[in-house]
Amino acid sequence: MPQTDRERIADTLRNLASGHTVGRIWGRREGATADEGIEGNIWAADVDDIATLIAAVLAGQGTVEEIMRRHRL
């Protein structure tokens, strides 16, 4: 059975780190340095939630904010 766009996106995100399965992705503040450690992180999300958001945006299902609200992301 063919994968949905969301499933393909999630699989791609899970396999970003060669040899390691990714489950959660952190966003860094622009200009954050390694010395700042955790303080440089401004958001984190599960791979499946990010995939849901990207697939919905690509499908034209609303703005990022609308989709996040609808899916409770």
Protein backbone atom coordinates (compact mmCIF):
# COMPACT_ATOMS: atom_id res chain seq x y z
CA MET A 1 0.00 0.00 0.00
CA PRO A 2 1.47 3.41 -0.96
CA GLN A 3 2.41 5.81 1.80
CA THR A 4 0.56 9.06 2.33
CA ASP A 5 2.44 12.36 2.09
CA ARG A 6 2.34 12.60 5.89
CA GLU A 7 3.85 9.13 6.28
CA ARG A 8 6.63 9.91 3.78
CA ILE A 9 7.41 13.18 5.57
CA ALA A 10 7.46 11.45 8.99
CA ASP A 11 9.76 8.69 7.68
CA THR A 12 12.11 11.29 6.20
CA LEU A 13 12.26 13.21 9.49
CA ARG A 14 12.82 10.00 11.49
CA ASN A 15 15.81 9.14 9.31
CA LEU A 16 17.57 12.53 9.34
CA ALA A 17 20.37 11.27 11.60
CA SER A 18 22.12 8.39 9.88
CA GLY A 19 22.07 5.31 12.09
CA HIS A 20 19.72 6.84 14.66
CA THR A 21 15.93 7.05 14.72
CA VAL A 22 14.73 10.60 15.40
CA GLY A 23 11.62 10.95 17.58
CA ARG A 24 11.69 14.62 18.54
CA ILE A 25 13.13 17.70 16.86
CA TRP A 26 14.24 20.89 18.61
CA GLY A 27 14.27 24.33 17.06
CA ARG A 28 17.12 26.65 17.94
CA ARG A 29 16.82 30.39 18.36
CA GLU A 30 18.48 32.22 15.47
CA GLY A 31 22.03 33.07 16.51
CA ALA A 32 22.08 30.54 19.38
CA THR A 33 25.50 29.08 20.07
CA ALA A 34 26.53 25.66 21.31
CA ASP A 35 27.75 27.32 24.53
CA GLU A 36 24.16 28.33 25.34
CA GLY A 37 23.05 24.71 25.45
CA ILE A 38 19.38 24.17 26.25
CA GLU A 39 18.76 27.93 26.62
CA GLY A 40 19.14 28.24 22.83
CA ASN A 41 16.14 25.96 22.20
CA ILE A 42 12.88 27.78 21.50
CA TRP A 43 10.55 24.89 20.56
CA ALA A 44 10.41 21.11 20.31
CA ALA A 45 7.94 18.78 18.61
CA ASP A 46 7.45 15.10 17.88
CA VAL A 47 8.27 13.95 14.35
CA ASP A 48 4.66 12.85 13.74
CA ASP A 49 3.31 16.27 14.75
CA ILE A 50 5.74 18.06 12.42
CA ALA A 51 4.81 15.68 9.59
CA THR A 52 1.09 16.35 10.16
CA LEU A 53 1.70 20.10 10.02
CA ILE A 54 3.85 19.99 6.86
CA ALA A 55 1.45 17.67 5.01
CA ALA A 56 -1.54 19.88 5.91
CA VAL A 57 0.25 23.06 4.77
CA LEU A 58 1.27 21.43 1.48
CA ALA A 59 -2.33 20.28 0.98
CA GLY A 60 -3.55 23.87 1.42
CA GLN A 61 -5.54 23.14 4.56
CA GLY A 62 -4.92 26.53 6.15
CA THR A 63 -2.20 28.61 7.74
CA VAL A 64 0.35 27.13 10.09
CA GLU A 65 -1.47 28.69 13.04
CA GLU A 66 -4.88 27.34 11.93
CA ILE A 67 -3.53 23.85 11.38
CA MET A 68 -1.70 23.81 14.71
CA ARG A 69 -4.89 24.86 16.49
CA ARG A 70 -7.03 22.30 14.64
CA HIS A 71 -4.61 19.44 15.36
CA ARG A 72 -3.74 20.74 18.85
CA LEU A 73 -0.04 20.92 18.02
